[in-house]
Amino acid sequence: MEMQKIPQAGYTIKGLWIAGLQRSLTLKNALFPFKLISSLWTSRKIIKSFKPDVAIGTGGYASAPLLKMASLRGVPCLIQEQNSHAGITNKWLATHVQSICTAYDGMDRFFPKSKVKLTGNPVRQDLLDVHSNRLQGLSFFNLSATSKTILVLGGSLGARKINELIDAHLPYFKKHEIQVLWQCGKIYAPTYQDRTQENIQVHPYINRMDLAYAAADVIISRAGALSVSELCLVGKPVIFIPSPNVAEDHQTKNALSISQKNAAILLHEKDALGHFETIMNDLLGDSQKQNQLGAAILALAKPKATKDIVDQIEKLIHHNQ
């Protein structure tokens, strides 16, 4: 995605011939040493020609060779760990960098405590006014203010299991007069687009997420790092259904770190079909619980995350001058 989006934003991007190391025996791993050597060599040339004042990594496997070569050339380095459980790349890079920005408490169990700075993850600033924009959100999506609204998110591409769960409960939503604002994802739009009806809106992608959040009473979402950070800022009751198919089960760990603080509900994908109605009935029938969940997740928000991360970057630059 970044190979398209970054040039569209007016920035140059260079790719590395690198991939993650597979955890099972596979022929793909046979190429890994060659990809790593190639990426280290390319990274060395990039650092030498570009002459950066600072190098920043965000945990992807492409960060590893670039920050390794930057550190060898004396360039100050910073990594941002977005998840509640540190990834392999960032754990390996921790000894080579000067600063580590994290989004969760207790990350010194993975990194040297002296390097860790709790900043949060960068989030879109238009979410700061979500609570004051409820009526605008309802109007924008043509929703009723007298019925409960559930916002369903599976990411821009969609989440198959969440889509199947919502599809299976269309009669439940109709029976209880629940409105559903359903982002099914571009991949699944042909399958679910015709599910749109009086109380169900199906969208391949929602451009005005600020107004979608504003209109929602309850949000159902995956638990990717940036999604979790956004939902903390939104401060609405959230049911996390983490994907079990991501590296090191990061999404489950992210959701667990929030649910253990009684700030969200964790519903495992394997249990979703059997427990969904019970959870929804309990939540929608208990306004006190809704308020408690919303207040608790809002208390975890880091609205100044971008500024705090930039402050750390500037400190590294000034310290190196």
Protein backbone atom coordinates (compact mmCIF):
# COMPACT_ATOMS: atom_id res chain seq x y z
CA MET A 1 0.00 0.00 0.00
CA GLU A 2 2.76 2.48 0.91
CA MET A 3 4.39 2.06 -2.51
CA GLN A 4 1.29 3.79 -3.93
CA LYS A 5 0.18 6.12 -1.17
CA ILE A 6 3.52 7.77 -0.39
CA PRO A 7 4.30 8.86 -3.98
CA GLN A 8 0.70 10.12 -4.24
CA ALA A 9 1.43 12.35 -1.24
CA GLY A 10 4.47 13.81 -3.03
CA TYR A 11 7.27 11.88 -1.32
CA THR A 12 9.95 9.62 -2.79
CA ILE A 13 9.93 6.00 -1.67
CA LYS A 14 12.52 3.26 -2.20
CA GLY A 15 11.67 -0.38 -1.71
CA LEU A 16 13.79 -3.14 -0.20
CA TRP A 17 13.85 -6.78 -1.34
CA ILE A 18 12.95 -8.13 2.06
CA ALA A 19 10.24 -10.28 3.62
CA GLY A 20 9.42 -11.65 7.03
CA LEU A 21 11.01 -14.88 8.18
CA GLN A 22 8.39 -17.65 8.14
CA ARG A 23 7.94 -19.46 11.46
CA SER A 24 7.35 -22.81 9.77
CA LEU A 25 9.65 -24.72 7.44
CA THR A 26 9.07 -23.36 3.96
CA LEU A 27 10.96 -22.78 0.73
CA LYS A 28 10.37 -19.05 1.18
CA ASN A 29 12.89 -19.07 4.02
CA ALA A 30 15.60 -20.32 1.64
CA LEU A 31 15.64 -16.89 -0.02
CA PHE A 32 15.73 -14.98 3.26
CA PRO A 33 19.56 -14.74 3.62
CA PHE A 34 19.84 -13.37 0.08
CA LYS A 35 17.02 -10.88 0.66
CA LEU A 36 18.60 -9.73 3.92
CA ILE A 37 22.04 -9.20 2.35
CA SER A 38 20.46 -7.34 -0.57
CA SER A 39 18.41 -5.13 1.76
CA LEU A 40 21.41 -4.33 3.97
CA TRP A 41 23.41 -3.32 0.89
CA THR A 42 20.56 -1.19 -0.50
CA SER A 43 20.02 0.39 2.93
CA ARG A 44 23.71 1.25 3.17
CA LYS A 45 23.54 3.05 -0.19
CA ILE A 46 20.35 4.90 0.83
CA ILE A 47 21.89 6.10 4.10
CA LYS A 48 25.13 7.12 2.39
CA SER A 49 23.41 9.15 -0.35
CA PHE A 50 20.50 10.61 1.61
CA LYS A 51 22.53 11.50 4.74
CA PRO A 52 19.60 11.53 7.20
CA ASP A 53 19.69 13.43 10.48
CA VAL A 54 17.60 10.70 12.10
CA ALA A 55 16.18 7.29 11.15
CA ILE A 56 12.76 6.08 12.30
CA GLY A 57 11.33 2.56 12.29
CA THR A 58 7.78 1.44 13.00
CA GLY A 59 8.26 -2.28 13.42
CA GLY A 60 7.89 -3.67 9.92
CA TYR A 61 10.58 -6.06 8.70
CA ALA A 62 11.82 -3.36 6.27
CA SER A 63 12.85 -1.33 9.32
CA ALA A 64 15.47 -3.85 10.38
CA PRO A 65 18.12 -3.53 7.64
CA LEU A 66 17.65 0.22 7.27
CA LEU A 67 17.99 1.08 10.96
CA LYS A 68 20.82 -1.40 11.37
CA MET A 69 22.86 0.36 8.67
CA ALA A 70 21.86 3.81 9.96
CA SER A 71 23.08 2.97 13.46
CA LEU A 72 26.38 1.64 12.08
CA ARG A 73 26.93 5.00 10.37
CA GLY A 74 26.23 6.93 13.59
CA VAL A 75 22.76 8.16 12.61
CA PRO A 76 20.51 8.54 15.70
CA CYS A 77 17.60 6.11 15.52
CA LEU A 78 14.11 5.90 17.00
CA ILE A 79 11.56 3.11 16.80
CA GLN A 80 7.85 3.29 17.47
CA GLU A 81 6.24 0.16 18.87
CA GLN A 82 2.51 0.40 18.13
CA ASN A 83 1.33 -2.79 19.81
CA SER A 84 1.03 -3.94 23.40
CA HIS A 85 3.38 -6.85 22.67
CA ALA A 86 6.66 -5.93 20.98
CA GLY A 87 7.36 -7.41 17.57
CA ILE A 88 10.50 -9.32 16.60
CA THR A 89 11.95 -6.48 14.52
CA ASN A 90 11.65 -3.85 17.24
CA LYS A 91 13.00 -6.18 19.93
CA TRP A 92 16.04 -6.86 17.76
CA LEU A 93 16.54 -3.16 16.98
CA ALA A 94 16.19 -2.05 20.61
CA THR A 95 19.92 -2.29 21.28
CA HIS A 96 20.75 -0.23 18.18
CA VAL A 97 18.44 2.76 18.77
CA GLN A 98 18.49 5.70 21.16
CA SER A 99 14.73 6.11 21.78
CA ILE A 100 11.69 3.83 21.78
CA CYS A 101 8.20 5.37 21.62
CA THR A 102 5.45 3.06 22.87
CA ALA A 103 1.66 3.10 23.04
CA TYR A 104 1.15 0.94 26.14
CA ASP A 105 2.34 0.83 29.74
CA GLY A 106 4.83 -1.80 30.84
CA MET A 107 6.82 -2.02 27.61
CA ASP A 108 10.06 -2.05 29.59
CA ARG A 109 9.50 -5.80 29.82
CA PHE A 110 10.64 -5.86 26.18
CA PHE A 111 12.96 -2.85 25.96
CA PRO A 112 15.61 -1.08 28.07
CA LYS A 113 13.63 1.10 30.48
CA SER A 114 15.90 4.11 29.95
CA LYS A 115 14.96 4.25 26.24
CA VAL A 116 11.19 3.84 26.58
CA LYS A 117 8.91 6.86 26.15
CA LEU A 118 5.14 6.37 26.52
CA THR A 119 3.71 8.53 23.73
CA GLY A 120 0.77 6.63 22.26
CA ASN A 121 0.15 6.10 18.54
CA PRO A 122 -0.50 8.93 16.07
CA VAL A 123 -4.23 9.39 15.41
CA ARG A 124 -6.31 11.64 13.21
CA GLN A 125 -7.03 14.90 14.96
CA ASP A 126 -10.60 15.21 13.65
CA LEU A 127 -11.60 12.64 16.28
CA LEU A 128 -11.14 15.14 19.11
CA ASP A 129 -14.63 16.60 18.51
CA VAL A 130 -16.50 13.33 18.04
CA HIS A 131 -18.82 13.70 21.04
CA SER A 132 -19.99 17.17 20.02
CA ASN A 133 -20.78 16.00 16.47
CA ARG A 134 -23.35 13.28 17.22
CA LEU A 135 -26.31 15.05 15.60
CA GLN A 136 -24.19 15.91 12.55
CA GLY A 137 -23.13 12.27 12.26
CA LEU A 138 -26.71 10.99 12.48
CA SER A 139 -27.82 13.49 9.86
CA PHE A 140 -24.90 12.71 7.52
CA PHE A 141 -25.73 8.98 7.50
CA ASN A 142 -29.50 9.55 7.65
CA LEU A 143 -29.86 7.68 10.94
CA SER A 144 -32.55 7.99 13.59
CA ALA A 145 -31.65 9.57 16.93
CA THR A 146 -34.18 7.36 18.75
CA SER A 147 -32.63 4.01 17.79
CA LYS A 148 -29.31 2.54 18.85
CA THR A 149 -26.59 2.59 16.20
CA ILE A 150 -23.83 -0.01 15.87
CA LEU A 151 -20.75 0.82 13.80
CA VAL A 152 -19.01 -2.25 12.36
CA LEU A 153 -15.41 -1.94 11.19
CA GLY A 154 -13.17 -4.52 9.59
CA GLY A 155 -10.54 -2.28 8.04
CA SER A 156 -10.42 -0.89 4.50
CA LEU A 157 -10.21 -4.37 2.96
CA GLY A 158 -12.76 -5.90 5.32
CA ALA A 159 -12.82 -8.80 7.78
CA ARG A 160 -14.47 -11.99 6.55
CA LYS A 161 -15.46 -13.40 9.95
CA ILE A 162 -16.92 -10.10 11.17
CA ASN A 163 -18.89 -9.73 7.94
CA GLU A 164 -20.26 -13.26 8.31
CA LEU A 165 -21.19 -12.52 11.94
CA ILE A 166 -23.11 -9.37 11.04
CA ASP A 167 -24.79 -11.04 8.08
CA ALA A 168 -25.97 -13.89 10.32
CA HIS A 169 -27.55 -11.40 12.75
CA LEU A 170 -29.52 -9.21 10.35
CA PRO A 171 -32.85 -10.59 11.71
CA TYR A 172 -31.66 -9.83 15.27
CA PHE A 173 -30.92 -6.20 14.38
CA LYS A 174 -34.31 -5.82 12.70
CA LYS A 175 -36.17 -7.40 15.63
CA HIS A 176 -34.55 -5.03 18.15
CA GLU A 177 -34.74 -1.97 15.87
CA ILE A 178 -30.96 -1.55 15.89
CA GLN A 179 -29.34 0.55 13.16
CA VAL A 180 -26.12 -0.82 11.69
CA LEU A 181 -23.50 1.25 9.91
CA TRP A 182 -21.49 -1.57 8.35
CA GLN A 183 -18.12 -1.09 6.68
CA CYS A 184 -17.74 -4.43 4.92
CA GLY A 185 -14.51 -3.60 3.04
CA LYS A 186 -13.83 -3.28 -0.67
CA ILE A 187 -13.10 -6.98 -1.13
CA TYR A 188 -16.45 -8.04 0.31
CA ALA A 189 -18.63 -5.29 -1.18
CA PRO A 190 -19.92 -7.49 -4.05
CA THR A 191 -21.08 -10.08 -1.49
CA TYR A 192 -22.77 -7.81 1.03
CA GLN A 193 -23.76 -4.65 -0.85
CA ASP A 194 -27.30 -5.94 -1.41
CA ARG A 195 -27.83 -6.38 2.36
CA THR A 196 -28.63 -2.66 2.61
CA GLN A 197 -32.16 -2.20 3.98
CA GLU A 198 -34.11 0.16 6.21
CA ASN A 199 -31.98 -0.30 9.32
CA ILE A 200 -28.76 -1.60 7.67
CA GLN A 201 -26.29 0.52 5.73
CA VAL A 202 -23.50 -1.34 3.95
CA HIS A 203 -20.44 0.65 2.86
CA PRO A 204 -17.32 -0.73 1.14
CA TYR A 205 -15.41 2.11 2.79
CA ILE A 206 -16.41 5.04 5.02
CA ASN A 207 -14.67 8.31 4.17
CA ARG A 208 -16.09 10.34 7.07
CA MET A 209 -14.95 8.17 9.93
CA ASP A 210 -15.21 11.10 12.33
CA LEU A 211 -18.97 11.34 11.70
CA ALA A 212 -19.38 7.54 11.75
CA TYR A 213 -17.78 7.43 15.19
CA ALA A 214 -19.93 10.37 16.30
CA ALA A 215 -23.15 8.62 15.27
CA ALA A 216 -22.30 5.27 16.89
CA ASP A 217 -23.54 4.05 20.25
CA VAL A 218 -21.47 0.86 20.13
CA ILE A 219 -18.50 0.00 17.90
CA ILE A 220 -17.45 -3.47 16.73
CA SER A 221 -13.87 -3.54 15.48
CA ARG A 222 -10.71 -5.48 14.86
CA ALA A 223 -7.88 -4.64 17.27
CA GLY A 224 -5.03 -3.42 15.12
CA ALA A 225 -2.72 -0.99 16.90
CA LEU A 226 -3.93 2.18 15.18
CA SER A 227 -7.59 1.15 15.40
CA VAL A 228 -7.25 0.69 19.15
CA SER A 229 -5.58 4.09 19.54
CA GLU A 230 -8.35 5.78 17.53
CA LEU A 231 -11.08 4.08 19.54
CA CYS A 232 -9.50 5.21 22.80
CA LEU A 233 -9.79 8.77 21.56
CA VAL A 234 -13.39 8.23 20.43
CA GLY A 235 -14.46 7.09 23.89
CA LYS A 236 -17.42 4.88 22.91
CA PRO A 237 -18.26 1.32 24.07
CA VAL A 238 -16.21 -1.08 21.95
CA ILE A 239 -16.43 -4.80 21.26
CA PHE A 240 -13.07 -5.97 19.94
CA ILE A 241 -13.05 -9.07 17.73
CA PRO A 242 -9.31 -9.43 17.08
CA SER A 243 -7.98 -11.25 14.07
CA PRO A 244 -6.18 -14.43 15.18
CA ASN A 245 -4.24 -14.50 11.90
CA VAL A 246 -1.68 -11.72 12.45
CA ALA A 247 1.96 -11.99 13.49
CA GLU A 248 2.46 -13.03 17.13
CA ASP A 249 -1.32 -12.66 17.71
CA HIS A 250 -0.81 -8.92 18.23
CA GLN A 251 -4.48 -8.03 17.90
CA THR A 252 -5.60 -10.33 20.69
CA LYS A 253 -2.88 -8.94 22.95
CA ASN A 254 -3.91 -5.37 22.09
CA ALA A 255 -7.57 -6.09 22.85
CA LEU A 256 -6.68 -7.93 26.04
CA SER A 257 -4.64 -4.98 27.32
CA ILE A 258 -7.76 -2.78 26.99
CA SER A 259 -10.36 -5.29 28.21
CA GLN A 260 -8.30 -6.10 31.32
CA LYS A 261 -8.77 -2.46 32.33
CA ASN A 262 -12.55 -2.88 31.92
CA ALA A 263 -12.37 -0.41 29.03
CA ALA A 264 -13.69 -2.67 26.25
CA ILE A 265 -15.25 -6.08 25.63
CA LEU A 266 -13.06 -8.78 24.10
CA LEU A 267 -14.95 -11.29 21.96
CA HIS A 268 -12.77 -14.00 20.45
CA GLU A 269 -13.54 -14.80 16.83
CA LYS A 270 -14.11 -18.49 17.61
CA ASP A 271 -16.76 -17.56 20.21
CA ALA A 272 -18.40 -14.72 18.31
CA LEU A 273 -21.30 -16.55 16.68
CA GLY A 274 -22.41 -18.22 19.91
CA HIS A 275 -22.01 -15.27 22.29
CA PHE A 276 -22.80 -12.23 20.16
CA GLU A 277 -26.49 -11.80 21.01
CA THR A 278 -25.93 -12.22 24.75
CA ILE A 279 -23.17 -9.62 24.76
CA MET A 280 -25.21 -7.17 22.68
CA ASN A 281 -28.32 -7.61 24.85
CA ASP A 282 -26.33 -7.04 28.04
CA LEU A 283 -24.55 -3.98 26.67
CA LEU A 284 -27.44 -2.23 24.93
CA GLY A 285 -29.70 -2.85 27.91
CA ASP A 286 -27.27 -1.31 30.40
CA SER A 287 -26.64 2.42 29.88
CA GLN A 288 -24.44 2.52 32.98
CA LYS A 289 -22.13 -0.10 31.47
CA GLN A 290 -22.04 1.82 28.19
CA ASN A 291 -21.00 4.98 30.01
CA GLN A 292 -18.41 3.11 32.10
CA LEU A 293 -16.81 1.49 29.06
CA GLY A 294 -16.75 4.78 27.15
CA ALA A 295 -15.17 6.68 30.04
CA ALA A 296 -12.61 3.95 30.75
CA ILE A 297 -11.36 3.67 27.16
CA LEU A 298 -11.27 7.47 26.81
CA ALA A 299 -9.01 7.63 29.87
CA LEU A 300 -6.44 5.56 27.93
CA ALA A 301 -6.31 7.99 25.00
CA LYS A 302 -3.10 9.80 24.04
CA PRO A 303 -4.35 12.74 21.93
CA LYS A 304 -0.92 14.38 21.76
CA ALA A 305 0.90 11.27 20.53
CA THR A 306 2.11 12.76 17.24
CA LYS A 307 3.55 15.84 18.95
CA ASP A 308 5.20 13.75 21.66
CA ILE A 309 6.84 11.45 19.09
CA VAL A 310 8.07 14.44 17.06
CA ASP A 311 9.48 15.96 20.27
CA GLN A 312 11.53 12.79 20.81
CA ILE A 313 12.77 12.91 17.21
CA GLU A 314 13.81 16.55 17.56
CA LYS A 315 15.69 15.77 20.78
CA LEU A 316 17.71 13.12 18.97
CA ILE A 317 18.55 15.54 16.15
CA HIS A 318 19.59 18.37 18.47
CA HIS A 319 21.60 16.01 20.69
CA ASN A 320 23.53 14.79 17.65
CA GLN A 321 24.41 18.27 16.32
